[in-house]
Amino acid sequence: MSDAASTVAPTVPPVEVPVAQPIEQTSVPVAGDSNGNAPFSNLSLYVGELDASVTEAMLYELFKIVGSVASIRVCRDAITRRSLGYAYVNFHTHADCENALQTLNYTEIKGRPCRIMWSQRDPSQRKSGSGNIFIKNLDPSIDNKALHDTFAAFGTVLSCKVATGEHGNSLGYGFVHYETREAAEQAIANVNGMLLNDIKVFVGHHVGRAERVERTKGLRAQFTNVYVKNLDAEVDDAALSELFSSYGVITSA
């Protein structure tokens, strides 16, 4: 057997994409405040609105352009392994995170604009209503980017989303989460009642589900009137009072 025939071509190793997602080690200390307390700088970004076919490798090719990527994870269903439509991208430096957020937010991936925001690991921050506003009566043409561009004038936007239906169509309302409550107040004061694409919009503080339920219960407790319809023409006030008096004291009928 000749030397040429016995020569085996070297195997080119595949490009490895870091996919492990650090859960705890996602921040580094930055310059402290006047009291010497060192805050922490988040190194993780949430990337949402992803097509189900988007993989870690696709995201790596996009995000490596703006900085040194530490790891990427596309979140998937534990049983089917189907993508849940969002991912986490971790960088080595806070500056690279900032660059990715400013440069790549709303970039189209597989025909869908992605939505990038800081990853919120602290449940208390995610659930806090501070800085959250609710916008309704939105024109169907207003998407996440248009909503962000409108409200970014009043402060740093942590997240922004237009609610959509099953087929991606706008439901006519959305949410903006600001870094500070003051920015939210400014947005409400300046945009509530204004025209966006010739439609008057409502802008107010976002009220969480639990608080809405409590408010509804409180309102219901205040109502003491009942409405009765389909009465026979011969039924008068006396007959109506007699019918309902067994359930409590009637003040008027």
C-alpha atoms as a PDB file:
ATOM      1  CA  MET A   1       0.000   0.000   0.000  1.00  0.00           C
ATOM      2  CA  SER A   2       1.403   3.357  -1.037  1.00  0.00           C
ATOM      3  CA  ASP A   3       2.085   6.157   1.422  1.00  0.00           C
ATOM      4  CA  ALA A   4      -0.482   8.320  -0.392  1.00  0.00           C
ATOM      5  CA  ALA A   5      -3.178   5.708   0.038  1.00  0.00           C
ATOM      6  CA  SER A   6      -2.489   5.291   3.727  1.00  0.00           C
ATOM      7  CA  THR A   7      -2.587   9.015   4.483  1.00  0.00           C
ATOM      8  CA  VAL A   8      -5.710   9.984   6.453  1.00  0.00           C
ATOM      9  CA  ALA A   9      -7.019  13.512   6.057  1.00  0.00           C
ATOM     10  CA  PRO A  10      -7.075  15.380   9.376  1.00  0.00           C
ATOM     11  CA  THR A  11     -10.530  15.873  10.877  1.00  0.00           C
ATOM     12  CA  VAL A  12     -11.526  19.513  11.340  1.00  0.00           C
ATOM     13  CA  PRO A  13     -13.086  19.900  14.785  1.00  0.00           C
ATOM     14  CA  PRO A  14     -16.538  21.552  14.834  1.00  0.00           C
ATOM     15  CA  VAL A  15     -16.865  25.066  16.207  1.00  0.00           C
ATOM     16  CA  GLU A  16     -18.087  24.830  19.785  1.00  0.00           C
ATOM     17  CA  VAL A  17     -20.663  27.324  20.999  1.00  0.00           C
ATOM     18  CA  PRO A  18     -20.713  27.894  24.756  1.00  0.00           C
ATOM     19  CA  VAL A  19     -24.224  27.020  25.889  1.00  0.00           C
ATOM     20  CA  ALA A  20     -24.026  26.566  29.646  1.00  0.00           C
ATOM     21  CA  GLN A  21     -25.917  29.322  31.453  1.00  0.00           C
ATOM     22  CA  PRO A  22     -24.387  30.403  34.763  1.00  0.00           C
ATOM     23  CA  ILE A  23     -27.230  30.941  37.202  1.00  0.00           C
ATOM     24  CA  GLU A  24     -25.496  32.557  40.142  1.00  0.00           C
ATOM     25  CA  GLN A  25     -22.285  33.967  38.641  1.00  0.00           C
ATOM     26  CA  THR A  26     -23.867  36.503  36.295  1.00  0.00           C
ATOM     27  CA  SER A  27     -22.604  39.718  37.828  1.00  0.00           C
ATOM     28  CA  VAL A  28     -19.396  41.479  38.815  1.00  0.00           C
ATOM     29  CA  PRO A  29     -18.842  44.386  41.199  1.00  0.00           C
ATOM     30  CA  VAL A  30     -18.487  47.858  39.708  1.00  0.00           C
ATOM     31  CA  ALA A  31     -17.579  51.190  41.226  1.00  0.00           C
ATOM     32  CA  GLY A  32     -19.250  51.691  44.602  1.00  0.00           C
ATOM     33  CA  ASP A  33     -21.314  54.608  45.830  1.00  0.00           C
ATOM     34  CA  SER A  34     -20.269  57.372  48.232  1.00  0.00           C
ATOM     35  CA  ASN A  35     -20.811  55.041  51.181  1.00  0.00           C
ATOM     36  CA  GLY A  36     -18.451  52.433  49.795  1.00  0.00           C
ATOM     37  CA  ASN A  37     -21.194  49.994  48.855  1.00  0.00           C
ATOM     38  CA  ALA A  38     -20.390  48.114  45.650  1.00  0.00           C
ATOM     39  CA  PRO A  39     -23.434  47.476  43.429  1.00  0.00           C
ATOM     40  CA  PHE A  40     -23.385  44.617  40.963  1.00  0.00           C
ATOM     41  CA  SER A  41     -23.361  44.845  37.199  1.00  0.00           C
ATOM     42  CA  ASN A  42     -25.595  42.364  35.377  1.00  0.00           C
ATOM     43  CA  LEU A  43     -23.822  40.371  32.672  1.00  0.00           C
ATOM     44  CA  SER A  44     -26.877  38.523  31.354  1.00  0.00           C
ATOM     45  CA  LEU A  45     -29.390  39.544  28.678  1.00  0.00           C
ATOM     46  CA  TYR A  46     -32.842  38.113  28.015  1.00  0.00           C
ATOM     47  CA  VAL A  47     -33.616  37.651  24.300  1.00  0.00           C
ATOM     48  CA  GLY A  48     -37.294  37.089  23.499  1.00  0.00           C
ATOM     49  CA  GLU A  49     -39.758  36.804  20.598  1.00  0.00           C
ATOM     50  CA  LEU A  50     -37.576  34.109  19.015  1.00  0.00           C
ATOM     51  CA  ASP A  51     -38.733  31.743  16.294  1.00  0.00           C
ATOM     52  CA  ALA A  52     -38.862  28.129  17.484  1.00  0.00           C
ATOM     53  CA  SER A  53     -36.094  27.177  15.048  1.00  0.00           C
ATOM     54  CA  VAL A  54     -33.522  29.618  16.470  1.00  0.00           C
ATOM     55  CA  THR A  55     -30.568  27.790  18.039  1.00  0.00           C
ATOM     56  CA  GLU A  56     -27.657  28.717  20.296  1.00  0.00           C
ATOM     57  CA  ALA A  57     -25.327  28.646  17.280  1.00  0.00           C
ATOM     58  CA  MET A  58     -27.469  31.201  15.414  1.00  0.00           C
ATOM     59  CA  LEU A  59     -27.513  33.527  18.407  1.00  0.00           C
ATOM     60  CA  TYR A  60     -23.767  33.111  18.900  1.00  0.00           C
ATOM     61  CA  GLU A  61     -23.078  34.206  15.326  1.00  0.00           C
ATOM     62  CA  LEU A  62     -25.117  37.356  15.923  1.00  0.00           C
ATOM     63  CA  PHE A  63     -23.982  38.329  19.415  1.00  0.00           C
ATOM     64  CA  LYS A  64     -20.267  37.603  18.968  1.00  0.00           C
ATOM     65  CA  ILE A  65     -20.165  40.630  16.650  1.00  0.00           C
ATOM     66  CA  VAL A  66     -20.714  43.046  19.536  1.00  0.00           C
ATOM     67  CA  GLY A  67     -18.644  41.464  22.304  1.00  0.00           C
ATOM     68  CA  SER A  68     -17.085  38.435  23.951  1.00  0.00           C
ATOM     69  CA  VAL A  69     -19.872  35.916  24.590  1.00  0.00           C
ATOM     70  CA  ALA A  70     -19.518  33.831  27.756  1.00  0.00           C
ATOM     71  CA  SER A  71     -22.469  31.504  27.222  1.00  0.00           C
ATOM     72  CA  ILE A  72     -25.830  31.163  25.493  1.00  0.00           C
ATOM     73  CA  ARG A  73     -28.884  29.156  26.396  1.00  0.00           C
ATOM     74  CA  VAL A  74     -32.120  28.767  24.432  1.00  0.00           C
ATOM     75  CA  CYS A  75     -34.797  27.752  26.935  1.00  0.00           C
ATOM     76  CA  ARG A  76     -36.704  24.635  25.953  1.00  0.00           C
ATOM     77  CA  ASP A  77     -39.609  22.511  27.144  1.00  0.00           C
ATOM     78  CA  ALA A  78     -38.275  19.890  29.545  1.00  0.00           C
ATOM     79  CA  ILE A  79     -40.150  17.067  27.786  1.00  0.00           C
ATOM     80  CA  THR A  80     -40.447  17.973  24.097  1.00  0.00           C
ATOM     81  CA  ARG A  81     -37.217  20.042  23.968  1.00  0.00           C
ATOM     82  CA  ARG A  82     -39.067  22.537  21.785  1.00  0.00           C
ATOM     83  CA  SER A  83     -37.873  26.116  22.119  1.00  0.00           C
ATOM     84  CA  LEU A  84     -39.946  28.321  24.430  1.00  0.00           C
ATOM     85  CA  GLY A  85     -39.154  31.350  22.272  1.00  0.00           C
ATOM     86  CA  TYR A  86     -36.579  33.018  24.485  1.00  0.00           C
ATOM     87  CA  ALA A  87     -32.922  32.713  25.441  1.00  0.00           C
ATOM     88  CA  TYR A  88     -30.239  34.091  27.754  1.00  0.00           C
ATOM     89  CA  VAL A  89     -26.968  35.496  26.450  1.00  0.00           C
ATOM     90  CA  ASN A  90     -24.141  36.072  28.940  1.00  0.00           C
ATOM     91  CA  PHE A  91     -21.146  38.314  28.243  1.00  0.00           C
ATOM     92  CA  HIS A  92     -17.841  38.726  30.053  1.00  0.00           C
ATOM     93  CA  THR A  93     -18.237  42.474  30.554  1.00  0.00           C
ATOM     94  CA  HIS A  94     -21.036  44.889  31.339  1.00  0.00           C
ATOM     95  CA  ALA A  95     -19.909  47.099  28.441  1.00  0.00           C
ATOM     96  CA  ASP A  96     -20.496  44.272  25.958  1.00  0.00           C
ATOM     97  CA  CYS A  97     -23.999  43.772  27.378  1.00  0.00           C
ATOM     98  CA  GLU A  98     -24.730  47.460  26.930  1.00  0.00           C
ATOM     99  CA  ASN A  99     -23.392  47.346  23.373  1.00  0.00           C
ATOM    100  CA  ALA A 100     -25.550  44.325  22.486  1.00  0.00           C
ATOM    101  CA  LEU A 101     -28.641  45.937  23.989  1.00  0.00           C
ATOM    102  CA  GLN A 102     -28.129  49.184  22.108  1.00  0.00           C
ATOM    103  CA  THR A 103     -27.034  47.606  18.814  1.00  0.00           C
ATOM    104  CA  LEU A 104     -29.060  44.423  18.398  1.00  0.00           C
ATOM    105  CA  ASN A 105     -32.403  45.116  20.077  1.00  0.00           C
ATOM    106  CA  TYR A 106     -35.240  44.440  17.581  1.00  0.00           C
ATOM    107  CA  THR A 107     -32.833  42.906  15.045  1.00  0.00           C
ATOM    108  CA  GLU A 108     -34.641  40.373  12.853  1.00  0.00           C
ATOM    109  CA  ILE A 109     -33.735  36.735  13.494  1.00  0.00           C
ATOM    110  CA  LYS A 110     -35.429  34.239  11.183  1.00  0.00           C
ATOM    111  CA  GLY A 111     -37.836  36.968  10.079  1.00  0.00           C
ATOM    112  CA  ARG A 112     -38.884  38.050  13.601  1.00  0.00           C
ATOM    113  CA  PRO A 113     -37.583  41.110  15.484  1.00  0.00           C
ATOM    114  CA  CYS A 114     -36.013  39.921  18.721  1.00  0.00           C
ATOM    115  CA  ARG A 115     -36.640  41.765  21.993  1.00  0.00           C
ATOM    116  CA  ILE A 116     -33.617  42.208  24.258  1.00  0.00           C
ATOM    117  CA  MET A 117     -33.641  43.368  27.864  1.00  0.00           C
ATOM    118  CA  TRP A 118     -31.619  42.944  31.022  1.00  0.00           C
ATOM    119  CA  SER A 119     -32.173  39.596  32.711  1.00  0.00           C
ATOM    120  CA  GLN A 120     -33.999  40.097  36.020  1.00  0.00           C
ATOM    121  CA  ARG A 121     -32.886  37.351  38.417  1.00  0.00           C
ATOM    122  CA  ASP A 122     -34.426  38.993  41.477  1.00  0.00           C
ATOM    123  CA  PRO A 123     -38.137  37.994  41.722  1.00  0.00           C
ATOM    124  CA  SER A 124     -38.901  41.062  43.836  1.00  0.00           C
ATOM    125  CA  GLN A 125     -37.676  43.311  41.028  1.00  0.00           C
ATOM    126  CA  ARG A 126     -39.703  41.470  38.411  1.00  0.00           C
ATOM    127  CA  LYS A 127     -42.883  41.618  40.477  1.00  0.00           C
ATOM    128  CA  SER A 128     -42.441  45.189  41.668  1.00  0.00           C
ATOM    129  CA  GLY A 129     -44.881  47.621  40.084  1.00  0.00           C
ATOM    130  CA  SER A 130     -42.444  50.512  40.442  1.00  0.00           C
ATOM    131  CA  GLY A 131     -41.618  51.958  37.025  1.00  0.00           C
ATOM    132  CA  ASN A 132     -44.217  49.853  35.189  1.00  0.00           C
ATOM    133  CA  ILE A 133     -46.810  51.529  32.975  1.00  0.00           C
ATOM    134  CA  PHE A 134     -49.733  50.183  30.949  1.00  0.00           C
ATOM    135  CA  ILE A 135     -50.725  51.588  27.538  1.00  0.00           C
ATOM    136  CA  LYS A 136     -53.990  50.786  25.752  1.00  0.00           C
ATOM    137  CA  ASN A 137     -55.811  51.813  22.553  1.00  0.00           C
ATOM    138  CA  LEU A 138     -52.645  51.259  20.540  1.00  0.00           C
ATOM    139  CA  ASP A 139     -52.849  51.370  16.753  1.00  0.00           C
ATOM    140  CA  PRO A 140     -52.307  47.844  15.315  1.00  0.00           C
ATOM    141  CA  SER A 141     -49.248  49.065  13.394  1.00  0.00           C
ATOM    142  CA  ILE A 142     -47.336  49.937  16.592  1.00  0.00           C
ATOM    143  CA  ASP A 143     -44.880  47.152  17.400  1.00  0.00           C
ATOM    144  CA  ASN A 144     -42.334  46.661  20.186  1.00  0.00           C
ATOM    145  CA  LYS A 145     -39.735  48.905  18.562  1.00  0.00           C
ATOM    146  CA  ALA A 146     -42.187  51.728  17.858  1.00  0.00           C
ATOM    147  CA  LEU A 147     -43.447  51.571  21.449  1.00  0.00           C
ATOM    148  CA  HIS A 148     -39.877  51.611  22.757  1.00  0.00           C
ATOM    149  CA  ASP A 149     -38.900  54.566  20.567  1.00  0.00           C
ATOM    150  CA  THR A 150     -41.929  56.516  21.791  1.00  0.00           C
ATOM    151  CA  PHE A 151     -41.362  56.002  25.513  1.00  0.00           C
ATOM    152  CA  ALA A 152     -37.553  55.959  25.649  1.00  0.00           C
ATOM    153  CA  ALA A 153     -37.658  59.773  25.618  1.00  0.00           C
ATOM    154  CA  PHE A 154     -38.726  59.793  29.283  1.00  0.00           C
ATOM    155  CA  GLY A 155     -36.082  57.528  30.820  1.00  0.00           C
ATOM    156  CA  THR A 156     -34.180  54.268  30.624  1.00  0.00           C
ATOM    157  CA  VAL A 157     -36.476  51.470  29.419  1.00  0.00           C
ATOM    158  CA  LEU A 158     -35.748  48.077  30.994  1.00  0.00           C
ATOM    159  CA  SER A 159     -38.352  46.221  28.946  1.00  0.00           C
ATOM    160  CA  CYS A 160     -41.091  47.017  26.473  1.00  0.00           C
ATOM    161  CA  LYS A 161     -43.743  44.781  24.925  1.00  0.00           C
ATOM    162  CA  VAL A 162     -46.893  45.035  22.839  1.00  0.00           C
ATOM    163  CA  ALA A 163     -49.326  42.240  23.711  1.00  0.00           C
ATOM    164  CA  THR A 164     -49.997  39.995  20.717  1.00  0.00           C
ATOM    165  CA  GLY A 165     -52.420  37.239  19.812  1.00  0.00           C
ATOM    166  CA  GLU A 166     -51.777  33.698  18.673  1.00  0.00           C
ATOM    167  CA  HIS A 167     -50.816  34.811  15.167  1.00  0.00           C
ATOM    168  CA  GLY A 168     -48.655  37.744  16.249  1.00  0.00           C
ATOM    169  CA  ASN A 169     -51.314  40.419  15.743  1.00  0.00           C
ATOM    170  CA  SER A 170     -51.388  43.337  18.194  1.00  0.00           C
ATOM    171  CA  LEU A 171     -54.047  43.189  20.898  1.00  0.00           C
ATOM    172  CA  GLY A 172     -54.018  46.977  21.203  1.00  0.00           C
ATOM    173  CA  TYR A 173     -52.205  47.301  24.516  1.00  0.00           C
ATOM    174  CA  GLY A 174     -48.686  47.061  25.885  1.00  0.00           C
ATOM    175  CA  PHE A 175     -46.341  47.554  28.820  1.00  0.00           C
ATOM    176  CA  VAL A 176     -43.209  49.602  29.444  1.00  0.00           C
ATOM    177  CA  HIS A 177     -40.950  49.044  32.451  1.00  0.00           C
ATOM    178  CA  TYR A 178     -38.722  51.976  33.371  1.00  0.00           C
ATOM    179  CA  GLU A 179     -35.638  51.964  35.554  1.00  0.00           C
ATOM    180  CA  THR A 180     -37.223  54.542  37.861  1.00  0.00           C
ATOM    181  CA  ARG A 181     -40.708  55.468  39.009  1.00  0.00           C
ATOM    182  CA  GLU A 182     -39.958  59.097  38.099  1.00  0.00           C
ATOM    183  CA  ALA A 183     -39.539  58.144  34.436  1.00  0.00           C
ATOM    184  CA  ALA A 184     -42.871  56.319  34.540  1.00  0.00           C
ATOM    185  CA  GLU A 185     -44.550  59.403  36.006  1.00  0.00           C
ATOM    186  CA  GLN A 186     -43.097  61.556  33.230  1.00  0.00           C
ATOM    187  CA  ALA A 187     -44.364  59.167  30.549  1.00  0.00           C
ATOM    188  CA  ILE A 188     -47.866  59.135  32.031  1.00  0.00           C
ATOM    189  CA  ALA A 189     -47.951  62.921  32.344  1.00  0.00           C
ATOM    190  CA  ASN A 190     -46.787  63.490  28.777  1.00  0.00           C
ATOM    191  CA  VAL A 191     -48.425  60.709  26.750  1.00  0.00           C
ATOM    192  CA  ASN A 192     -51.719  59.896  28.482  1.00  0.00           C
ATOM    193  CA  GLY A 193     -54.559  61.231  26.331  1.00  0.00           C
ATOM    194  CA  MET A 194     -52.247  62.040  23.413  1.00  0.00           C
ATOM    195  CA  LEU A 195     -52.629  60.775  19.842  1.00  0.00           C
ATOM    196  CA  LEU A 196     -50.385  57.970  18.620  1.00  0.00           C
ATOM    197  CA  ASN A 197     -50.983  57.291  14.936  1.00  0.00           C
ATOM    198  CA  ASP A 198     -54.163  59.398  15.205  1.00  0.00           C
ATOM    199  CA  ILE A 199     -55.579  57.278  18.047  1.00  0.00           C
ATOM    200  CA  LYS A 200     -55.992  58.653  21.576  1.00  0.00           C
ATOM    201  CA  VAL A 201     -54.148  56.381  24.001  1.00  0.00           C
ATOM    202  CA  PHE A 202     -54.466  55.741  27.716  1.00  0.00           C
ATOM    203  CA  VAL A 203     -51.268  55.542  29.770  1.00  0.00           C
ATOM    204  CA  GLY A 204     -51.311  54.713  33.481  1.00  0.00           C
ATOM    205  CA  HIS A 205     -49.503  52.781  36.185  1.00  0.00           C
ATOM    206  CA  HIS A 206     -49.557  49.044  35.678  1.00  0.00           C
ATOM    207  CA  VAL A 207     -51.695  47.285  38.295  1.00  0.00           C
ATOM    208  CA  GLY A 208     -50.796  43.656  39.010  1.00  0.00           C
ATOM    209  CA  ARG A 209     -53.335  40.843  38.843  1.00  0.00           C
ATOM    210  CA  ALA A 210     -53.557  40.358  42.620  1.00  0.00           C
ATOM    211  CA  GLU A 211     -54.150  44.052  43.203  1.00  0.00           C
ATOM    212  CA  ARG A 212     -56.790  44.171  40.447  1.00  0.00           C
ATOM    213  CA  VAL A 213     -58.656  41.280  42.087  1.00  0.00           C
ATOM    214  CA  GLU A 214     -58.622  43.034  45.459  1.00  0.00           C
ATOM    215  CA  ARG A 215     -59.855  46.280  43.902  1.00  0.00           C
ATOM    216  CA  THR A 216     -62.697  44.436  42.159  1.00  0.00           C
ATOM    217  CA  LYS A 217     -63.737  42.782  45.412  1.00  0.00           C
ATOM    218  CA  GLY A 218     -63.767  46.170  47.126  1.00  0.00           C
ATOM    219  CA  LEU A 219     -65.918  47.707  44.411  1.00  0.00           C
ATOM    220  CA  ARG A 220     -68.380  44.834  44.484  1.00  0.00           C
ATOM    221  CA  ALA A 221     -68.774  45.218  48.240  1.00  0.00           C
ATOM    222  CA  GLN A 222     -69.900  48.811  47.715  1.00  0.00           C
ATOM    223  CA  PHE A 223     -72.772  47.945  45.363  1.00  0.00           C
ATOM    224  CA  THR A 224     -76.160  47.478  47.065  1.00  0.00           C
ATOM    225  CA  ASN A 225     -78.416  47.761  44.007  1.00  0.00           C
ATOM    226  CA  VAL A 226     -79.862  44.921  41.947  1.00  0.00           C
ATOM    227  CA  TYR A 227     -81.410  45.128  38.503  1.00  0.00           C
ATOM    228  CA  VAL A 228     -84.525  43.102  37.714  1.00  0.00           C
ATOM    229  CA  LYS A 229     -85.883  42.670  34.195  1.00  0.00           C
ATOM    230  CA  ASN A 230     -88.599  40.739  32.315  1.00  0.00           C
ATOM    231  CA  LEU A 231     -91.232  41.781  34.890  1.00  0.00           C
ATOM    232  CA  ASP A 232     -94.901  41.454  34.134  1.00  0.00           C
ATOM    233  CA  ALA A 233     -96.548  44.801  33.363  1.00  0.00           C
ATOM    234  CA  GLU A 234     -98.811  44.429  36.404  1.00  0.00           C
ATOM    235  CA  VAL A 235     -95.930  44.204  38.925  1.00  0.00           C
ATOM    236  CA  ASP A 236     -95.739  47.444  40.924  1.00  0.00           C
ATOM    237  CA  ASP A 237     -93.328  48.810  43.578  1.00  0.00           C
ATOM    238  CA  ALA A 238     -95.274  47.193  46.428  1.00  0.00           C
ATOM    239  CA  ALA A 239     -95.187  43.758  44.829  1.00  0.00           C
ATOM    240  CA  LEU A 240     -91.475  44.111  44.107  1.00  0.00           C
ATOM    241  CA  SER A 241     -90.757  45.136  47.712  1.00  0.00           C
ATOM    242  CA  GLU A 242     -92.745  42.230  49.065  1.00  0.00           C
ATOM    243  CA  LEU A 243     -90.815  39.798  46.889  1.00  0.00           C
ATOM    244  CA  PHE A 244     -87.344  40.995  47.903  1.00  0.00           C
ATOM    245  CA  SER A 245     -87.924  42.053  51.535  1.00  0.00           C
ATOM    246  CA  SER A 246     -87.158  38.563  52.843  1.00  0.00           C
ATOM    247  CA  TYR A 247     -83.490  38.988  51.782  1.00  0.00           C
ATOM    248  CA  GLY A 248     -82.795  42.202  53.724  1.00  0.00           C
ATOM    249  CA  VAL A 249     -83.865  45.737  54.470  1.00  0.00           C
ATOM    250  CA  ILE A 250     -84.935  47.570  51.308  1.00  0.00           C
ATOM    251  CA  THR A 251     -84.168  51.302  51.142  1.00  0.00           C
ATOM    252  CA  SER A 252     -85.936  51.866  47.805  1.00  0.00           C
ATOM    253  CA  ALA A 253     -87.800  49.836  45.197  1.00  0.00           C
END
